[in-house]
Amino acid sequence: MDIWVRRSGKDFLQSDLSQLQDEYENIYSRLSLLRGHAATVEARADVHMRVLYNIMQQRDTEISRSIAEASIRDSSSMKAIAVLTMIFLPGTTVAHGSVLDEWTRQHALGVFRLLVVLDRDNTTHDSSRGNLADMVTDPSQRTS
């Protein structure tokens, strides 16, 4: 009881009030430190995000550059093909035209006969379209 009596009264309230005030200041200073720490962590996260974004941009730039280089090489190849075509196509067309006439005279009748044989072997022949042999006639037997 002696302790209770000593603690009761004005001294008791002032000592508790001073302890509460000290505790409040301690908590407030901790809160200020935590706010500063939170701001630092947020700033670090922002820096990390910017670094990652820049790395992604650099990789995208490298990919775009490699695509552009491949495009330039492809364009050069296409120009070379176009030049070769311009040089050789007219001569090829003239040569092919003269050879094609001779080949047609020599081989066309044989090709048509082969088609007739293949058409006869076809078991699912549609009779409405007629026989291929009826459609193909020997050019020497034609009456014009």
N, C-alpha and C. Protein backbone atom coordinates (compact mmCIF):
# COMPACT_ATOMS: atom_id res chain seq x y z
N MET A 1 0.80 -1.20 0.00
CA MET A 1 0.00 0.00 0.00
C MET A 1 0.83 1.25 0.00
N ASP A 2 1.97 1.08 0.54
CA ASP A 2 2.86 2.22 0.61
C ASP A 2 3.23 2.71 -0.80
N ILE A 3 3.45 1.77 -1.70
CA ILE A 3 3.79 2.13 -3.07
C ILE A 3 2.61 2.83 -3.74
N TRP A 4 1.44 2.32 -3.50
CA TRP A 4 0.24 2.91 -4.07
C TRP A 4 0.05 4.34 -3.62
N VAL A 5 0.33 4.55 -2.42
CA VAL A 5 0.16 5.89 -1.88
C VAL A 5 1.19 6.82 -2.51
N ARG A 6 2.40 6.33 -2.62
CA ARG A 6 3.42 7.18 -3.21
C ARG A 6 3.11 7.47 -4.69
N ARG A 7 2.57 6.53 -5.35
CA ARG A 7 2.32 6.70 -6.77
C ARG A 7 1.00 7.43 -7.04
N SER A 8 0.16 7.41 -6.18
CA SER A 8 -1.10 8.11 -6.39
C SER A 8 -0.86 9.59 -6.18
N GLY A 9 -1.51 10.34 -6.98
CA GLY A 9 -1.37 11.77 -6.84
C GLY A 9 -0.75 12.39 -8.07
N LYS A 10 -0.23 13.60 -7.86
CA LYS A 10 0.30 14.40 -8.95
C LYS A 10 1.56 13.80 -9.54
N ASP A 11 2.42 13.26 -8.71
CA ASP A 11 3.66 12.67 -9.20
C ASP A 11 3.37 11.49 -10.12
N PHE A 12 2.38 10.72 -9.78
CA PHE A 12 2.03 9.56 -10.58
C PHE A 12 1.60 9.98 -11.98
N LEU A 13 0.74 10.98 -12.09
CA LEU A 13 0.24 11.44 -13.37
C LEU A 13 1.36 12.06 -14.21
N GLN A 14 2.22 12.82 -13.59
CA GLN A 14 3.30 13.46 -14.34
C GLN A 14 4.31 12.44 -14.84
N SER A 15 4.63 11.45 -14.05
CA SER A 15 5.59 10.44 -14.50
C SER A 15 4.98 9.60 -15.63
N ASP A 16 3.71 9.26 -15.53
CA ASP A 16 3.06 8.51 -16.61
C ASP A 16 2.94 9.36 -17.87
N LEU A 17 2.62 10.62 -17.67
CA LEU A 17 2.51 11.52 -18.82
C LEU A 17 3.86 11.69 -19.50
N SER A 18 4.90 11.80 -18.74
CA SER A 18 6.24 11.94 -19.32
C SER A 18 6.64 10.65 -20.03
N GLN A 19 6.28 9.49 -19.49
CA GLN A 19 6.58 8.22 -20.17
C GLN A 19 5.79 8.10 -21.48
N LEU A 20 4.55 8.50 -21.43
CA LEU A 20 3.72 8.46 -22.64
C LEU A 20 4.27 9.41 -23.70
N GLN A 21 4.71 10.55 -23.27
CA GLN A 21 5.27 11.52 -24.22
C GLN A 21 6.56 10.97 -24.84
N ASP A 22 7.39 10.36 -24.02
CA ASP A 22 8.62 9.75 -24.54
C ASP A 22 8.29 8.61 -25.54
N GLU A 23 7.32 7.83 -25.16
CA GLU A 23 6.91 6.72 -26.05
C GLU A 23 6.34 7.26 -27.36
N TYR A 24 5.54 8.32 -27.28
CA TYR A 24 4.97 8.96 -28.46
C TYR A 24 6.08 9.49 -29.37
N GLU A 25 7.05 10.16 -28.81
CA GLU A 25 8.17 10.68 -29.59
C GLU A 25 8.98 9.56 -30.23
N ASN A 26 9.14 8.47 -29.50
CA ASN A 26 9.87 7.32 -30.01
C ASN A 26 9.11 6.70 -31.20
N ILE A 27 7.81 6.52 -31.04
CA ILE A 27 7.00 5.96 -32.13
C ILE A 27 6.98 6.90 -33.32
N TYR A 28 6.87 8.19 -33.06
CA TYR A 28 6.85 9.18 -34.14
C TYR A 28 8.16 9.18 -34.91
N SER A 29 9.28 9.06 -34.22
CA SER A 29 10.58 9.03 -34.90
C SER A 29 10.71 7.73 -35.71
N ARG A 30 10.21 6.61 -35.16
CA ARG A 30 10.23 5.36 -35.92
C ARG A 30 9.36 5.48 -37.18
N LEU A 31 8.21 6.11 -37.04
CA LEU A 31 7.32 6.30 -38.18
C LEU A 31 7.99 7.16 -39.24
N SER A 32 8.68 8.20 -38.83
CA SER A 32 9.40 9.04 -39.78
C SER A 32 10.48 8.25 -40.51
N LEU A 33 11.20 7.40 -39.76
CA LEU A 33 12.22 6.55 -40.38
C LEU A 33 11.59 5.57 -41.38
N LEU A 34 10.45 5.00 -41.00
CA LEU A 34 9.77 4.05 -41.90
C LEU A 34 9.26 4.75 -43.15
N ARG A 35 8.77 5.98 -42.98
CA ARG A 35 8.32 6.74 -44.16
C ARG A 35 9.50 7.00 -45.10
N GLY A 36 10.63 7.37 -44.54
CA GLY A 36 11.83 7.58 -45.35
C GLY A 36 12.28 6.29 -46.03
N HIS A 37 12.22 5.19 -45.30
CA HIS A 37 12.59 3.90 -45.86
C HIS A 37 11.63 3.50 -46.99
N ALA A 38 10.33 3.73 -46.78
CA ALA A 38 9.34 3.42 -47.81
C ALA A 38 9.58 4.27 -49.07
N ALA A 39 9.91 5.52 -48.89
CA ALA A 39 10.21 6.38 -50.03
C ALA A 39 11.45 5.89 -50.77
N THR A 40 12.46 5.45 -50.02
CA THR A 40 13.68 4.92 -50.63
C THR A 40 13.38 3.64 -51.42
N VAL A 41 12.58 2.76 -50.83
CA VAL A 41 12.22 1.51 -51.52
C VAL A 41 11.42 1.82 -52.78
N GLU A 42 10.51 2.76 -52.70
CA GLU A 42 9.72 3.15 -53.87
C GLU A 42 10.63 3.73 -54.96
N ALA A 43 11.58 4.55 -54.58
CA ALA A 43 12.51 5.13 -55.55
C ALA A 43 13.38 4.04 -56.19
N ARG A 44 13.82 3.07 -55.39
CA ARG A 44 14.61 1.97 -55.93
C ARG A 44 13.79 1.14 -56.92
N ALA A 45 12.55 0.87 -56.55
CA ALA A 45 11.68 0.10 -57.46
C ALA A 45 11.47 0.86 -58.76
N ASP A 46 11.31 2.17 -58.68
CA ASP A 46 11.15 2.98 -59.88
C ASP A 46 12.41 2.92 -60.75
N VAL A 47 13.57 2.98 -60.12
CA VAL A 47 14.84 2.89 -60.85
C VAL A 47 14.96 1.52 -61.53
N HIS A 48 14.60 0.46 -60.80
CA HIS A 48 14.67 -0.89 -61.38
C HIS A 48 13.72 -1.01 -62.58
N MET A 49 12.53 -0.46 -62.46
CA MET A 49 11.58 -0.51 -63.57
C MET A 49 12.13 0.25 -64.79
N ARG A 50 12.74 1.39 -64.56
CA ARG A 50 13.31 2.15 -65.67
C ARG A 50 14.46 1.40 -66.33
N VAL A 51 15.28 0.74 -65.51
CA VAL A 51 16.40 -0.04 -66.05
C VAL A 51 15.86 -1.19 -66.91
N LEU A 52 14.87 -1.90 -66.39
CA LEU A 52 14.28 -3.00 -67.16
C LEU A 52 13.65 -2.49 -68.45
N TYR A 53 12.97 -1.37 -68.39
CA TYR A 53 12.36 -0.79 -69.59
C TYR A 53 13.44 -0.43 -70.61
N ASN A 54 14.55 0.15 -70.14
CA ASN A 54 15.64 0.51 -71.05
C ASN A 54 16.29 -0.72 -71.67
N ILE A 55 16.44 -1.78 -70.88
CA ILE A 55 17.01 -3.02 -71.41
C ILE A 55 16.10 -3.58 -72.49
N MET A 56 14.80 -3.57 -72.24
CA MET A 56 13.85 -4.06 -73.25
C MET A 56 13.91 -3.20 -74.51
N GLN A 57 14.01 -1.91 -74.34
CA GLN A 57 14.11 -1.01 -75.50
C GLN A 57 15.38 -1.29 -76.31
N GLN A 58 16.49 -1.54 -75.61
CA GLN A 58 17.74 -1.84 -76.30
C GLN A 58 17.63 -3.13 -77.09
N ARG A 59 17.01 -4.14 -76.50
CA ARG A 59 16.83 -5.40 -77.22
C ARG A 59 15.92 -5.21 -78.42
N ASP A 60 14.85 -4.45 -78.24
CA ASP A 60 13.97 -4.18 -79.38
C ASP A 60 14.72 -3.44 -80.48
N THR A 61 15.57 -2.51 -80.10
CA THR A 61 16.36 -1.77 -81.08
C THR A 61 17.32 -2.70 -81.82
N GLU A 62 17.95 -3.61 -81.09
CA GLU A 62 18.87 -4.57 -81.73
C GLU A 62 18.11 -5.47 -82.71
N ILE A 63 16.96 -5.92 -82.32
CA ILE A 63 16.15 -6.77 -83.21
C ILE A 63 15.73 -5.98 -84.44
N SER A 64 15.30 -4.75 -84.24
CA SER A 64 14.89 -3.91 -85.38
C SER A 64 16.06 -3.66 -86.32
N ARG A 65 17.24 -3.45 -85.75
CA ARG A 65 18.42 -3.23 -86.57
C ARG A 65 18.75 -4.48 -87.38
N SER A 66 18.67 -5.65 -86.75
CA SER A 66 18.98 -6.88 -87.49
C SER A 66 17.94 -7.14 -88.58
N ILE A 67 16.69 -6.79 -88.31
CA ILE A 67 15.65 -6.93 -89.34
C ILE A 67 15.93 -5.97 -90.49
N ALA A 68 16.34 -4.76 -90.17
CA ALA A 68 16.66 -3.78 -91.22
C ALA A 68 17.85 -4.24 -92.06
N GLU A 69 18.87 -4.79 -91.41
CA GLU A 69 20.03 -5.28 -92.15
C GLU A 69 19.64 -6.44 -93.07
N ALA A 70 18.81 -7.34 -92.56
CA ALA A 70 18.34 -8.46 -93.39
C ALA A 70 17.50 -7.95 -94.55
N SER A 71 16.74 -6.93 -94.30
CA SER A 71 15.91 -6.32 -95.34
C SER A 71 16.78 -5.70 -96.42
N ILE A 72 17.85 -5.05 -96.02
CA ILE A 72 18.78 -4.45 -96.99
C ILE A 72 19.43 -5.54 -97.84
N ARG A 73 19.86 -6.64 -97.17
CA ARG A 73 20.47 -7.75 -97.93
C ARG A 73 19.45 -8.35 -98.89
N ASP A 74 18.23 -8.51 -98.42
CA ASP A 74 17.17 -9.06 -99.26
C ASP A 74 16.89 -8.14 -100.44
N SER A 75 16.88 -6.84 -100.17
CA SER A 75 16.66 -5.87 -101.24
C SER A 75 17.78 -5.93 -102.27
N SER A 76 19.01 -6.08 -101.82
CA SER A 76 20.14 -6.20 -102.75
C SER A 76 20.01 -7.45 -103.60
N SER A 77 19.60 -8.55 -102.97
CA SER A 77 19.41 -9.79 -103.73
C SER A 77 18.29 -9.63 -104.75
N MET A 78 17.23 -8.99 -104.37
CA MET A 78 16.12 -8.78 -105.29
C MET A 78 16.54 -7.91 -106.47
N LYS A 79 17.37 -6.91 -106.22
CA LYS A 79 17.86 -6.06 -107.32
C LYS A 79 18.72 -6.88 -108.28
N ALA A 80 19.55 -7.75 -107.71
CA ALA A 80 20.40 -8.59 -108.57
C ALA A 80 19.55 -9.53 -109.41
N ILE A 81 18.52 -10.11 -108.80
CA ILE A 81 17.63 -11.00 -109.55
C ILE A 81 16.89 -10.22 -110.64
N ALA A 82 16.46 -9.02 -110.33
CA ALA A 82 15.76 -8.20 -111.32
C ALA A 82 16.67 -7.86 -112.49
N VAL A 83 17.93 -7.53 -112.22
CA VAL A 83 18.88 -7.20 -113.29
C VAL A 83 19.11 -8.43 -114.17
N LEU A 84 19.33 -9.59 -113.54
CA LEU A 84 19.54 -10.80 -114.32
C LEU A 84 18.30 -11.14 -115.15
N THR A 85 17.13 -10.93 -114.60
CA THR A 85 15.89 -11.18 -115.34
C THR A 85 15.78 -10.25 -116.53
N MET A 86 16.10 -8.99 -116.33
CA MET A 86 16.02 -8.03 -117.45
C MET A 86 17.01 -8.39 -118.56
N ILE A 87 18.14 -8.96 -118.19
CA ILE A 87 19.15 -9.30 -119.19
C ILE A 87 18.75 -10.57 -119.95
N PHE A 88 18.33 -11.61 -119.23
CA PHE A 88 18.14 -12.91 -119.86
C PHE A 88 16.72 -13.22 -120.30
N LEU A 89 15.70 -12.56 -119.77
CA LEU A 89 14.32 -12.91 -120.10
C LEU A 89 13.96 -12.70 -121.57
N PRO A 90 14.33 -11.58 -122.20
CA PRO A 90 13.96 -11.44 -123.61
C PRO A 90 14.55 -12.53 -124.50
N GLY A 91 15.81 -12.86 -124.31
CA GLY A 91 16.44 -13.91 -125.11
C GLY A 91 15.82 -15.28 -124.83
N THR A 92 15.50 -15.53 -123.58
CA THR A 92 14.89 -16.80 -123.21
C THR A 92 13.52 -16.94 -123.84
N THR A 93 12.76 -15.86 -123.86
CA THR A 93 11.43 -15.89 -124.46
C THR A 93 11.50 -16.18 -125.94
N VAL A 94 12.40 -15.54 -126.65
CA VAL A 94 12.55 -15.76 -128.09
C VAL A 94 13.00 -17.19 -128.35
N ALA A 95 13.99 -17.67 -127.61
CA ALA A 95 14.50 -19.03 -127.80
C ALA A 95 13.43 -20.06 -127.46
N HIS A 96 12.69 -19.83 -126.42
CA HIS A 96 11.66 -20.78 -126.00
C HIS A 96 10.53 -20.84 -127.02
N GLY A 97 10.16 -19.72 -127.57
CA GLY A 97 9.09 -19.69 -128.57
C GLY A 97 9.44 -20.52 -129.79
N SER A 98 10.66 -20.42 -130.27
CA SER A 98 11.04 -21.18 -131.46
C SER A 98 11.18 -22.66 -131.15
N VAL A 99 11.66 -23.00 -129.98
CA VAL A 99 11.80 -24.40 -129.59
C VAL A 99 10.44 -25.01 -129.30
N LEU A 100 9.54 -24.25 -128.73
CA LEU A 100 8.23 -24.77 -128.36
C LEU A 100 7.44 -25.20 -129.59
N ASP A 101 7.53 -24.44 -130.68
CA ASP A 101 6.83 -24.83 -131.89
C ASP A 101 7.32 -26.19 -132.39
N GLU A 102 8.62 -26.38 -132.41
CA GLU A 102 9.19 -27.65 -132.86
C GLU A 102 8.80 -28.78 -131.92
N TRP A 103 8.84 -28.56 -130.64
CA TRP A 103 8.49 -29.60 -129.67
C TRP A 103 7.02 -29.97 -129.80
N THR A 104 6.16 -28.98 -129.99
CA THR A 104 4.74 -29.24 -130.13
C THR A 104 4.48 -30.14 -131.34
N ARG A 105 5.14 -29.88 -132.43
CA ARG A 105 4.96 -30.70 -133.62
C ARG A 105 5.40 -32.14 -133.37
N GLN A 106 6.46 -32.33 -132.63
CA GLN A 106 7.03 -33.66 -132.45
C GLN A 106 6.35 -34.47 -131.34
N HIS A 107 5.97 -33.82 -130.26
CA HIS A 107 5.57 -34.56 -129.07
C HIS A 107 4.11 -34.40 -128.65
N ALA A 108 3.39 -33.47 -129.17
CA ALA A 108 2.05 -33.21 -128.68
C ALA A 108 1.11 -34.38 -128.88
N LEU A 109 1.18 -35.04 -130.04
CA LEU A 109 0.28 -36.15 -130.30
C LEU A 109 0.55 -37.30 -129.33
N GLY A 110 1.81 -37.54 -128.99
CA GLY A 110 2.15 -38.58 -128.02
C GLY A 110 1.61 -38.27 -126.64
N VAL A 111 1.67 -37.01 -126.23
CA VAL A 111 1.15 -36.61 -124.93
C VAL A 111 -0.36 -36.81 -124.90
N PHE A 112 -1.05 -36.44 -125.98
CA PHE A 112 -2.50 -36.61 -126.02
C PHE A 112 -2.87 -38.09 -125.99
N ARG A 113 -2.12 -38.92 -126.68
CA ARG A 113 -2.40 -40.36 -126.64
C ARG A 113 -2.20 -40.91 -125.23
N LEU A 114 -1.19 -40.45 -124.54
CA LEU A 114 -0.98 -40.87 -123.15
C LEU A 114 -2.15 -40.45 -122.28
N LEU A 115 -2.66 -39.27 -122.50
CA LEU A 115 -3.83 -38.82 -121.74
C LEU A 115 -5.04 -39.69 -122.03
N VAL A 116 -5.20 -40.11 -123.26
CA VAL A 116 -6.31 -40.98 -123.62
C VAL A 116 -6.20 -42.31 -122.89
N VAL A 117 -5.00 -42.88 -122.84
CA VAL A 117 -4.79 -44.15 -122.14
C VAL A 117 -5.08 -43.99 -120.66
N LEU A 118 -4.60 -42.92 -120.06
CA LEU A 118 -4.85 -42.68 -118.65
C LEU A 118 -6.33 -42.47 -118.38
N ASP A 119 -7.02 -41.82 -119.31
CA ASP A 119 -8.45 -41.57 -119.15
C ASP A 119 -9.24 -42.87 -119.23
N ARG A 120 -8.83 -43.79 -120.10
CA ARG A 120 -9.51 -45.08 -120.20
C ARG A 120 -9.33 -45.90 -118.93
N ASP A 121 -8.17 -45.76 -118.27
CA ASP A 121 -7.91 -46.50 -117.04
C ASP A 121 -8.67 -45.95 -115.85
N ASN A 122 -9.20 -44.77 -115.99
CA ASN A 122 -9.94 -44.14 -114.89
C ASN A 122 -11.27 -44.86 -114.70
N THR A 123 -11.47 -45.49 -113.55
CA THR A 123 -12.68 -46.28 -113.30
C THR A 123 -13.88 -45.42 -112.92
N THR A 124 -13.62 -44.21 -112.45
CA THR A 124 -14.72 -43.33 -112.04
C THR A 124 -14.97 -42.30 -113.12
N HIS A 125 -15.04 -42.75 -114.36
CA HIS A 125 -15.21 -41.85 -115.50
C HIS A 125 -16.63 -41.30 -115.52
N ASP A 126 -16.74 -40.02 -115.72
CA ASP A 126 -18.04 -39.36 -115.81
C ASP A 126 -18.46 -39.35 -117.27
N SER A 127 -19.54 -40.06 -117.59
CA SER A 127 -19.95 -40.20 -118.99
C SER A 127 -20.55 -38.92 -119.54
N SER A 128 -20.95 -37.99 -118.67
CA SER A 128 -21.57 -36.76 -119.16
C SER A 128 -20.57 -35.83 -119.82
N ARG A 129 -19.31 -35.95 -119.49
CA ARG A 129 -18.32 -35.05 -120.09
C ARG A 129 -17.74 -35.59 -121.37
N GLY A 130 -18.05 -36.82 -121.73
CA GLY A 130 -17.56 -37.38 -122.98
C GLY A 130 -16.23 -38.06 -122.79
N ASN A 131 -15.79 -38.75 -123.80
CA ASN A 131 -14.53 -39.48 -123.77
C ASN A 131 -13.41 -38.57 -124.26
N LEU A 132 -12.27 -38.68 -123.62
CA LEU A 132 -11.13 -37.85 -124.01
C LEU A 132 -10.67 -38.19 -125.41
N ALA A 133 -10.80 -39.44 -125.78
CA ALA A 133 -10.40 -39.85 -127.14
C ALA A 133 -11.25 -39.17 -128.19
N ASP A 134 -12.53 -38.89 -127.86
CA ASP A 134 -13.39 -38.18 -128.81
C ASP A 134 -12.98 -36.72 -128.94
N MET A 135 -12.42 -36.17 -127.86
CA MET A 135 -12.03 -34.76 -127.88
C MET A 135 -10.72 -34.54 -128.62
N VAL A 136 -9.83 -35.55 -128.60
CA VAL A 136 -8.51 -35.41 -129.19
C VAL A 136 -8.52 -36.13 -130.54
N THR A 137 -8.15 -35.39 -131.53
CA THR A 137 -8.06 -36.00 -132.87
C THR A 137 -6.66 -35.80 -133.41
N ASP A 138 -6.27 -36.66 -134.26
CA ASP A 138 -4.96 -36.58 -134.89
C ASP A 138 -4.94 -35.36 -135.81
N PRO A 139 -3.95 -34.45 -135.64
CA PRO A 139 -3.92 -33.26 -136.48
C PRO A 139 -3.81 -33.58 -137.96
N SER A 140 -3.22 -34.69 -138.32
CA SER A 140 -3.09 -35.03 -139.74
C SER A 140 -4.40 -35.51 -140.34
N GLN A 141 -5.38 -35.95 -139.49
CA GLN A 141 -6.67 -36.43 -139.97
C GLN A 141 -7.73 -35.36 -139.98
N ARG A 142 -7.41 -34.18 -139.49
CA ARG A 142 -8.38 -33.09 -139.44
C ARG A 142 -8.69 -32.60 -140.85
N THR A 143 -9.93 -32.23 -141.03
CA THR A 143 -10.33 -31.63 -142.31
C THR A 143 -10.63 -30.18 -142.06
N SER A 144 -9.89 -29.34 -142.67
CA SER A 144 -10.13 -27.92 -142.43
C SER A 144 -10.49 -27.24 -143.71
